[in-house]
Protein backbone atom coordinates (compact mmCIF):
# COMPACT_ATOMS: atom_id res chain seq x y z
CA MET A 1 -10.03 8.43 -28.32
CA TYR A 2 -10.31 10.71 -25.91
CA LYS A 3 -11.23 8.52 -23.05
CA LYS A 4 -7.82 6.52 -23.61
CA VAL A 5 -5.69 9.84 -23.67
CA ILE A 6 -7.31 10.94 -20.50
CA LEU A 7 -7.03 7.58 -18.88
CA THR A 8 -3.38 7.70 -19.72
CA VAL A 9 -2.45 11.02 -18.52
CA ILE A 10 -4.36 10.11 -14.98
CA LEU A 11 -2.65 6.97 -14.79
CA PHE A 12 1.01 8.47 -15.31
CA ILE A 13 0.48 11.66 -13.55
CA SER A 14 2.47 11.59 -10.09
CA LEU A 15 0.83 13.49 -7.40
CA ASP A 16 2.68 14.30 -4.13
CA THR A 17 0.85 12.32 -1.33
CA TYR A 18 1.69 11.65 2.13
CA SER A 19 0.17 8.07 2.73
CA GLN A 20 0.97 8.26 6.51
CA CYS A 21 -2.14 8.78 8.81
CA ALA A 22 -2.48 11.53 11.29
CA MET A 23 -2.33 8.86 14.02
CA CYS A 24 0.77 6.94 12.92
CA ARG A 25 2.69 10.10 12.19
CA ALA A 26 2.05 11.28 15.70
CA VAL A 27 3.05 8.02 17.42
CA VAL A 28 6.22 7.72 15.37
CA GLU A 29 7.12 11.18 16.08
CA GLN A 30 6.50 10.79 19.93
CA GLY A 31 7.36 7.00 20.31
CA GLY A 32 11.07 6.82 19.48
CA GLU A 33 13.35 4.27 17.45
CA GLU A 34 11.73 1.33 18.61
CA VAL A 35 8.07 2.44 17.47
CA ALA A 36 9.29 3.51 14.04
CA GLU A 37 11.14 0.26 13.60
CA GLY A 38 8.07 -1.65 14.32
CA ILE A 39 6.00 0.49 12.35
CA ASN A 40 8.40 -0.03 9.33
CA SER A 41 8.68 -3.91 9.80
CA GLY A 42 4.79 -3.97 9.76
CA ILE A 43 4.77 -2.19 6.36
CA VAL A 44 7.07 -4.22 5.06
CA TYR A 45 5.11 -7.44 6.33
CA LEU A 46 2.13 -5.88 4.85
CA MET A 47 3.77 -5.19 1.55
CA ALA A 48 5.30 -8.78 1.19
CA PHE A 49 1.81 -10.41 0.62
CA PRO A 50 0.76 -8.77 -2.40
CA TYR A 51 3.92 -9.74 -4.26
CA LEU A 52 3.78 -13.20 -2.66
CA LEU A 53 0.24 -13.67 -4.25
CA ILE A 54 1.03 -12.55 -7.63
CA ALA A 55 4.54 -15.11 -7.57
CA VAL A 56 2.21 -17.87 -6.59
CA THR A 57 -0.51 -17.10 -9.10
CA MET A 58 1.96 -16.90 -11.84
CA PHE A 59 3.61 -20.00 -10.93
CA LEU A 60 0.29 -22.01 -10.92
CA PHE A 61 -0.37 -20.27 -14.23
CA TYR A 62 2.86 -21.12 -15.71
CA ARG A 63 2.64 -24.75 -14.22
CA ASN A 64 -0.69 -25.27 -16.05
CA TRP A 65 0.39 -23.82 -19.26
CA LYS A 66 3.12 -26.19 -19.31
CA LYS A 67 0.88 -29.12 -18.89
CA SER A 68 -1.43 -28.05 -21.61
CA SER A 69 1.47 -27.50 -24.20
CA VAL A 70 2.80 -30.85 -23.42
CA ARG A 71 -0.25 -32.72 -24.74
């Protein structure tokens, strides 16, 4: 019982974190607008793949589920 409560508390607590490494931050601060846009584009590019992977997985799961329910 206590393990579930502790796990729930840990999952729902939001801590203030800075996810930008020191080198990236220094480059953005010194580089200017073009560098910042490049880093932002890279972040968006890296963010897209997990969502794409989840969408493809769900589509394949749905397609196989529909095939098995037709029989």
